[in-house]
Every structure is written in structure tokens, then in C-alpha cells.
Amino acid sequence: MSAEFVGDYNLVTSEGFEDFLKALGVGIMLRKTAGALKPSFQVSKSDDGTFTFKSVSTFKTSEFQFKLGEEFEEKRLDGIICKSVITQDGNKLIQEQKSDPPATIVREFNGDDLKIVCTCKDAVATRLYKKVTK
């Protein structure tokens, strides 16, 4: 099942992202910069089951690796280091960020479409990506 997650995706639309970043406590300059970007999102998986998520933009590239159900340390784009766990529920990869405040990021894969819903406090961001065909 998880092999279908693998690929490169380009951001198509983004709603509420700046509000989500504000709820996380990200400063205004970084919020404005991040909100203006159109990042690509890359998903790869190694033979041992380790996933790599990579977000690439002209401003910053971030990358982290994880195995499903295992806690890992993540450095967010704002420099905050937090613990996360990602689990799979069907075509969704659900990330629980154990930060202050906590956040949830649900990545839903439907064919060539990737919908990422980020929630922190009462702020919800929805970002839609389209798979790049090579």
C-alpha cells in the first residue's frame, strides 16, 4: 500500500496556512515568507521501511526520516525541534507533532492528488498537491 505514496508532488492550492503557522507560534516574517512559497513535496521509501519526507522551495529545504509508528525527532521549518509519530490509516499518513502547542498533520493520498491538512489549536490549513509525472 505505502508504495503508492512515493513520488514528487507540487503545491497547487493552499488555504489557511498562515493561520496554522500563527497558531504554532511562528513569527510574522517567517509566516509571510512561508505563505508565499510554492514548495514541492517528495516522498521516498527505502527497503527497510524508512520513509523520507522532503519539502523543497526556493527559501528552504527540510527533510526528515521516519518509520511508521516509531517516535522520531523533527526540526520544523521555524527551527523548533519536536517529537513526532506518524501512523498509517488506509491512504492517510497521520503525524502527531508533540510540540507546544501540539499539531496534527494528515497527508491523504488519492491517486495523483495529495491533500495535507494541518491543525493546531483552532487553525486548520489545507494544502493540495498534484503528483509530478516524469
N, C-alpha and C. Protein backbone atom coordinates (compact mmCIF):
# COMPACT_ATOMS: atom_id res chain seq x y z
N MET A 1 0.83 -1.22 0.00
CA MET A 1 0.00 0.00 0.00
C MET A 1 0.86 1.26 0.00
N SER A 2 1.88 1.30 0.83
CA SER A 2 2.64 2.55 1.01
C SER A 2 3.48 2.92 -0.20
N ALA A 3 3.69 1.98 -1.13
CA ALA A 3 4.46 2.31 -2.34
C ALA A 3 3.76 3.37 -3.17
N GLU A 4 2.43 3.42 -3.10
CA GLU A 4 1.71 4.42 -3.89
C GLU A 4 1.89 5.84 -3.35
N PHE A 5 2.41 5.98 -2.14
CA PHE A 5 2.68 7.30 -1.57
C PHE A 5 3.91 7.93 -2.21
N VAL A 6 4.83 7.10 -2.67
CA VAL A 6 6.12 7.56 -3.16
C VAL A 6 5.96 8.40 -4.43
N GLY A 7 6.66 9.52 -4.46
CA GLY A 7 6.64 10.38 -5.64
C GLY A 7 6.94 11.81 -5.30
N ASP A 8 6.92 12.66 -6.33
CA ASP A 8 7.14 14.10 -6.19
C ASP A 8 5.82 14.80 -6.45
N TYR A 9 5.50 15.77 -5.60
CA TYR A 9 4.23 16.49 -5.68
C TYR A 9 4.50 17.99 -5.68
N ASN A 10 3.73 18.74 -6.46
CA ASN A 10 3.85 20.20 -6.49
C ASN A 10 2.61 20.83 -5.87
N LEU A 11 2.82 21.89 -5.08
CA LEU A 11 1.71 22.58 -4.43
C LEU A 11 0.84 23.26 -5.49
N VAL A 12 -0.48 23.04 -5.38
CA VAL A 12 -1.45 23.64 -6.30
C VAL A 12 -2.23 24.76 -5.60
N THR A 13 -2.79 24.45 -4.43
CA THR A 13 -3.52 25.47 -3.66
C THR A 13 -3.18 25.34 -2.18
N SER A 14 -3.36 26.44 -1.48
CA SER A 14 -3.09 26.48 -0.04
C SER A 14 -4.07 27.44 0.61
N GLU A 15 -4.79 26.95 1.62
CA GLU A 15 -5.73 27.79 2.35
C GLU A 15 -5.46 27.69 3.85
N GLY A 16 -5.39 28.84 4.51
CA GLY A 16 -5.26 28.87 5.97
C GLY A 16 -3.88 28.56 6.51
N PHE A 17 -2.87 28.48 5.64
CA PHE A 17 -1.54 28.08 6.10
C PHE A 17 -0.93 29.10 7.06
N GLU A 18 -1.11 30.37 6.75
CA GLU A 18 -0.53 31.39 7.63
C GLU A 18 -1.19 31.36 9.02
N ASP A 19 -2.50 31.11 9.06
CA ASP A 19 -3.19 30.99 10.36
C ASP A 19 -2.67 29.80 11.15
N PHE A 20 -2.42 28.69 10.45
CA PHE A 20 -1.86 27.50 11.11
C PHE A 20 -0.48 27.82 11.71
N LEU A 21 0.37 28.49 10.91
CA LEU A 21 1.70 28.85 11.40
C LEU A 21 1.62 29.80 12.58
N LYS A 22 0.67 30.72 12.55
CA LYS A 22 0.48 31.66 13.66
C LYS A 22 0.09 30.89 14.93
N ALA A 23 -0.82 29.91 14.79
CA ALA A 23 -1.24 29.10 15.94
C ALA A 23 -0.07 28.32 16.53
N LEU A 24 0.88 27.93 15.66
CA LEU A 24 2.08 27.23 16.13
C LEU A 24 3.05 28.16 16.86
N GLY A 25 2.87 29.47 16.67
CA GLY A 25 3.76 30.43 17.31
C GLY A 25 4.89 30.92 16.42
N VAL A 26 4.76 30.69 15.11
CA VAL A 26 5.78 31.13 14.15
C VAL A 26 5.69 32.65 13.97
N GLY A 27 6.84 33.32 13.93
CA GLY A 27 6.89 34.77 13.79
C GLY A 27 6.34 35.25 12.45
N ILE A 28 5.96 36.53 12.41
CA ILE A 28 5.28 37.09 11.23
C ILE A 28 6.13 37.04 9.97
N MET A 29 7.42 37.32 10.04
CA MET A 29 8.27 37.33 8.84
C MET A 29 8.35 35.93 8.21
N LEU A 30 8.55 34.92 9.05
CA LEU A 30 8.63 33.55 8.55
C LEU A 30 7.26 33.10 8.02
N ARG A 31 6.18 33.51 8.69
CA ARG A 31 4.82 33.17 8.22
C ARG A 31 4.57 33.74 6.84
N LYS A 32 4.91 35.02 6.64
CA LYS A 32 4.70 35.68 5.35
C LYS A 32 5.53 35.02 4.26
N THR A 33 6.79 34.71 4.58
CA THR A 33 7.67 34.07 3.60
C THR A 33 7.15 32.68 3.24
N ALA A 34 6.84 31.88 4.26
CA ALA A 34 6.38 30.51 4.02
C ALA A 34 5.06 30.50 3.26
N GLY A 35 4.19 31.46 3.56
CA GLY A 35 2.90 31.52 2.89
C GLY A 35 2.99 31.85 1.42
N ALA A 36 4.06 32.53 1.03
CA ALA A 36 4.23 32.93 -0.37
C ALA A 36 4.89 31.84 -1.23
N LEU A 37 5.44 30.83 -0.60
CA LEU A 37 6.18 29.79 -1.32
C LEU A 37 5.26 28.76 -1.97
N LYS A 38 5.74 28.15 -3.02
CA LYS A 38 5.06 27.03 -3.69
C LYS A 38 6.00 25.83 -3.66
N PRO A 39 6.11 25.18 -2.50
CA PRO A 39 7.09 24.10 -2.37
C PRO A 39 6.67 22.83 -3.10
N SER A 40 7.66 22.02 -3.40
CA SER A 40 7.39 20.66 -3.86
C SER A 40 7.57 19.75 -2.65
N PHE A 41 6.91 18.61 -2.69
CA PHE A 41 6.94 17.67 -1.58
C PHE A 41 7.34 16.31 -2.14
N GLN A 42 8.40 15.75 -1.61
CA GLN A 42 8.92 14.49 -2.13
C GLN A 42 8.79 13.40 -1.08
N VAL A 43 8.27 12.25 -1.50
CA VAL A 43 8.12 11.11 -0.61
C VAL A 43 8.91 9.95 -1.19
N SER A 44 9.81 9.38 -0.39
CA SER A 44 10.53 8.19 -0.82
C SER A 44 10.50 7.18 0.32
N LYS A 45 10.79 5.91 -0.03
CA LYS A 45 10.78 4.86 0.97
C LYS A 45 11.90 3.88 0.66
N SER A 46 12.68 3.55 1.69
CA SER A 46 13.79 2.62 1.50
C SER A 46 13.32 1.18 1.76
N ASP A 47 14.19 0.24 1.44
CA ASP A 47 13.85 -1.18 1.58
C ASP A 47 13.56 -1.59 3.03
N ASP A 48 14.15 -0.86 3.99
CA ASP A 48 13.92 -1.22 5.40
C ASP A 48 12.65 -0.59 5.98
N GLY A 49 11.86 0.08 5.12
CA GLY A 49 10.60 0.67 5.58
C GLY A 49 10.72 2.10 6.06
N THR A 50 11.90 2.70 5.94
CA THR A 50 12.08 4.09 6.35
C THR A 50 11.58 5.03 5.25
N PHE A 51 10.67 5.92 5.64
CA PHE A 51 10.18 6.95 4.74
C PHE A 51 11.05 8.19 4.85
N THR A 52 11.17 8.94 3.77
CA THR A 52 11.79 10.26 3.78
C THR A 52 10.80 11.25 3.21
N PHE A 53 10.50 12.31 3.97
CA PHE A 53 9.67 13.41 3.50
C PHE A 53 10.61 14.59 3.29
N LYS A 54 10.52 15.20 2.11
CA LYS A 54 11.38 16.34 1.79
C LYS A 54 10.51 17.44 1.20
N SER A 55 10.59 18.62 1.78
CA SER A 55 9.89 19.79 1.28
C SER A 55 10.94 20.73 0.69
N VAL A 56 10.78 21.06 -0.59
CA VAL A 56 11.80 21.84 -1.30
C VAL A 56 11.17 23.14 -1.82
N SER A 57 11.82 24.27 -1.48
CA SER A 57 11.37 25.57 -2.01
C SER A 57 12.60 26.43 -2.25
N THR A 58 12.38 27.58 -2.86
CA THR A 58 13.48 28.50 -3.13
C THR A 58 14.04 29.07 -1.83
N PHE A 59 13.23 29.08 -0.76
CA PHE A 59 13.63 29.67 0.52
C PHE A 59 14.36 28.66 1.39
N LYS A 60 13.81 27.46 1.50
CA LYS A 60 14.36 26.49 2.44
C LYS A 60 13.97 25.08 2.03
N THR A 61 14.84 24.15 2.32
CA THR A 61 14.54 22.73 2.11
C THR A 61 14.59 22.04 3.47
N SER A 62 13.58 21.25 3.75
CA SER A 62 13.58 20.49 5.00
C SER A 62 13.35 19.02 4.67
N GLU A 63 13.90 18.18 5.51
CA GLU A 63 13.80 16.75 5.27
C GLU A 63 13.81 16.02 6.60
N PHE A 64 12.99 14.98 6.70
CA PHE A 64 13.09 14.11 7.86
C PHE A 64 12.74 12.69 7.46
N GLN A 65 13.25 11.75 8.27
CA GLN A 65 13.03 10.33 8.01
C GLN A 65 12.31 9.71 9.20
N PHE A 66 11.52 8.67 8.92
CA PHE A 66 10.77 8.02 9.99
C PHE A 66 10.34 6.63 9.55
N LYS A 67 9.99 5.84 10.55
CA LYS A 67 9.32 4.56 10.31
C LYS A 67 7.95 4.66 10.95
N LEU A 68 6.96 4.08 10.30
CA LEU A 68 5.59 4.15 10.80
C LEU A 68 5.51 3.65 12.24
N GLY A 69 4.84 4.43 13.09
CA GLY A 69 4.60 4.04 14.47
C GLY A 69 5.76 4.26 15.42
N GLU A 70 6.90 4.75 14.93
CA GLU A 70 8.06 4.98 15.78
C GLU A 70 8.29 6.47 15.98
N GLU A 71 8.46 6.88 17.25
CA GLU A 71 8.71 8.29 17.55
C GLU A 71 10.06 8.72 16.98
N PHE A 72 10.10 9.94 16.44
CA PHE A 72 11.35 10.48 15.90
C PHE A 72 11.42 11.96 16.23
N GLU A 73 12.63 12.51 16.11
CA GLU A 73 12.85 13.93 16.37
C GLU A 73 12.82 14.66 15.04
N GLU A 74 12.12 15.76 15.02
CA GLU A 74 11.95 16.54 13.79
C GLU A 74 12.31 17.99 14.05
N LYS A 75 13.02 18.60 13.10
CA LYS A 75 13.29 20.03 13.18
C LYS A 75 12.32 20.72 12.22
N ARG A 76 11.38 21.47 12.79
CA ARG A 76 10.41 22.18 11.96
C ARG A 76 11.09 23.30 11.20
N LEU A 77 10.38 23.85 10.19
CA LEU A 77 10.94 24.93 9.39
C LEU A 77 11.29 26.16 10.22
N ASP A 78 10.60 26.33 11.36
CA ASP A 78 10.90 27.50 12.21
C ASP A 78 12.04 27.23 13.19
N GLY A 79 12.69 26.05 13.05
CA GLY A 79 13.85 25.75 13.88
C GLY A 79 13.52 25.01 15.17
N ILE A 80 12.25 24.91 15.52
CA ILE A 80 11.84 24.20 16.74
C ILE A 80 12.03 22.70 16.53
N ILE A 81 12.64 22.04 17.52
CA ILE A 81 12.80 20.59 17.47
C ILE A 81 11.71 19.96 18.33
N CYS A 82 10.99 19.01 17.74
CA CYS A 82 9.91 18.36 18.47
C CYS A 82 9.90 16.87 18.15
N LYS A 83 9.15 16.14 18.94
CA LYS A 83 8.97 14.71 18.72
C LYS A 83 7.71 14.51 17.90
N SER A 84 7.74 13.53 17.00
CA SER A 84 6.57 13.21 16.18
C SER A 84 6.43 11.70 16.05
N VAL A 85 5.20 11.29 15.78
CA VAL A 85 4.91 9.90 15.43
C VAL A 85 3.97 9.94 14.23
N ILE A 86 4.26 9.09 13.22
CA ILE A 86 3.39 9.01 12.05
C ILE A 86 2.85 7.60 11.95
N THR A 87 1.52 7.52 11.82
CA THR A 87 0.85 6.23 11.65
C THR A 87 0.10 6.24 10.34
N GLN A 88 -0.26 5.04 9.87
CA GLN A 88 -1.00 4.92 8.61
C GLN A 88 -2.41 4.46 8.90
N ASP A 89 -3.36 5.12 8.24
CA ASP A 89 -4.77 4.71 8.29
C ASP A 89 -5.26 4.70 6.85
N GLY A 90 -5.22 3.54 6.21
CA GLY A 90 -5.61 3.44 4.80
C GLY A 90 -4.69 4.26 3.92
N ASN A 91 -5.26 5.25 3.21
CA ASN A 91 -4.47 6.09 2.31
C ASN A 91 -3.97 7.37 3.00
N LYS A 92 -4.03 7.39 4.33
CA LYS A 92 -3.60 8.57 5.08
C LYS A 92 -2.40 8.26 5.95
N LEU A 93 -1.46 9.21 5.99
CA LEU A 93 -0.36 9.17 6.94
C LEU A 93 -0.62 10.29 7.93
N ILE A 94 -0.79 9.93 9.20
CA ILE A 94 -1.21 10.88 10.24
C ILE A 94 -0.03 11.16 11.17
N GLN A 95 0.38 12.43 11.19
CA GLN A 95 1.51 12.85 12.02
C GLN A 95 1.01 13.61 13.23
N GLU A 96 1.42 13.15 14.41
CA GLU A 96 1.14 13.85 15.66
C GLU A 96 2.44 14.50 16.11
N GLN A 97 2.47 15.84 16.05
CA GLN A 97 3.64 16.59 16.49
C GLN A 97 3.48 16.92 17.97
N LYS A 98 4.41 16.41 18.77
CA LYS A 98 4.35 16.63 20.21
C LYS A 98 5.15 17.88 20.54
N SER A 99 4.58 19.02 20.17
CA SER A 99 5.24 20.30 20.40
C SER A 99 4.35 21.13 21.32
N ASP A 100 4.77 22.33 21.62
CA ASP A 100 3.95 23.22 22.44
C ASP A 100 3.67 24.48 21.64
N PRO A 101 2.49 24.60 21.06
CA PRO A 101 1.33 23.70 21.15
C PRO A 101 1.46 22.51 20.19
N PRO A 102 0.75 21.42 20.50
CA PRO A 102 0.78 20.25 19.61
C PRO A 102 0.08 20.53 18.29
N ALA A 103 0.45 19.76 17.27
CA ALA A 103 -0.15 19.91 15.95
C ALA A 103 -0.38 18.52 15.34
N THR A 104 -1.34 18.45 14.44
CA THR A 104 -1.60 17.22 13.70
C THR A 104 -1.53 17.53 12.21
N ILE A 105 -0.84 16.67 11.46
CA ILE A 105 -0.71 16.84 10.02
C ILE A 105 -1.16 15.54 9.36
N VAL A 106 -2.24 15.62 8.60
CA VAL A 106 -2.77 14.44 7.91
C VAL A 106 -2.46 14.58 6.43
N ARG A 107 -1.74 13.59 5.90
CA ARG A 107 -1.41 13.56 4.47
C ARG A 107 -2.24 12.46 3.83
N GLU A 108 -3.17 12.86 2.96
CA GLU A 108 -4.09 11.92 2.33
C GLU A 108 -3.74 11.78 0.85
N PHE A 109 -3.44 10.55 0.45
CA PHE A 109 -3.01 10.25 -0.91
C PHE A 109 -4.17 9.63 -1.69
N ASN A 110 -4.55 10.26 -2.80
CA ASN A 110 -5.60 9.76 -3.69
C ASN A 110 -5.10 9.81 -5.12
N GLY A 111 -4.54 8.71 -5.59
CA GLY A 111 -4.00 8.69 -6.95
C GLY A 111 -2.90 9.71 -7.11
N ASP A 112 -3.10 10.68 -8.01
CA ASP A 112 -2.10 11.73 -8.25
C ASP A 112 -2.29 12.94 -7.34
N ASP A 113 -3.27 12.89 -6.45
CA ASP A 113 -3.55 14.03 -5.57
C ASP A 113 -3.07 13.74 -4.15
N LEU A 114 -2.51 14.76 -3.53
CA LEU A 114 -2.10 14.70 -2.13
C LEU A 114 -2.74 15.89 -1.43
N LYS A 115 -3.53 15.59 -0.40
CA LYS A 115 -4.14 16.65 0.41
C LYS A 115 -3.49 16.60 1.78
N ILE A 116 -2.93 17.75 2.19
CA ILE A 116 -2.31 17.84 3.51
C ILE A 116 -3.14 18.80 4.35
N VAL A 117 -3.65 18.29 5.47
CA VAL A 117 -4.45 19.10 6.39
C VAL A 117 -3.66 19.24 7.69
N CYS A 118 -3.32 20.50 8.03
CA CYS A 118 -2.53 20.81 9.21
C CYS A 118 -3.45 21.47 10.24
N THR A 119 -3.44 20.96 11.47
CA THR A 119 -4.30 21.51 12.51
C THR A 119 -3.48 21.84 13.76
N CYS A 120 -3.69 23.04 14.28
CA CYS A 120 -3.09 23.47 15.54
C CYS A 120 -4.08 24.39 16.23
N LYS A 121 -4.44 24.05 17.46
CA LYS A 121 -5.49 24.79 18.18
C LYS A 121 -6.74 24.81 17.30
N ASP A 122 -7.26 26.00 16.97
CA ASP A 122 -8.46 26.06 16.12
C ASP A 122 -8.14 26.44 14.68
N ALA A 123 -6.85 26.45 14.34
CA ALA A 123 -6.43 26.81 12.98
C ALA A 123 -6.25 25.54 12.14
N VAL A 124 -6.85 25.58 10.95
CA VAL A 124 -6.75 24.44 10.03
C VAL A 124 -6.28 24.95 8.67
N ALA A 125 -5.22 24.34 8.16
CA ALA A 125 -4.71 24.68 6.82
C ALA A 125 -4.91 23.48 5.92
N THR A 126 -5.33 23.74 4.68
CA THR A 126 -5.48 22.67 3.69
C THR A 126 -4.62 23.02 2.49
N ARG A 127 -3.72 22.11 2.16
CA ARG A 127 -2.81 22.31 1.03
C ARG A 127 -2.97 21.15 0.07
N LEU A 128 -3.24 21.47 -1.19
CA LEU A 128 -3.43 20.44 -2.21
C LEU A 128 -2.22 20.39 -3.13
N TYR A 129 -1.74 19.18 -3.38
CA TYR A 129 -0.59 18.93 -4.23
C TYR A 129 -0.99 17.99 -5.37
N LYS A 130 -0.29 18.08 -6.48
CA LYS A 130 -0.51 17.21 -7.63
C LYS A 130 0.80 16.47 -7.91
N LYS A 131 0.68 15.15 -8.13
CA LYS A 131 1.86 14.33 -8.40
C LYS A 131 2.48 14.73 -9.74
N VAL A 132 3.80 14.79 -9.76
CA VAL A 132 4.53 15.13 -10.96
C VAL A 132 4.75 13.85 -11.75
N THR A 133 4.33 13.84 -13.01
CA THR A 133 4.57 12.67 -13.84
C THR A 133 5.86 12.90 -14.61
N LYS A 134 6.72 11.90 -14.57
CA LYS A 134 8.04 12.04 -15.19
C LYS A 134 8.11 11.32 -16.51
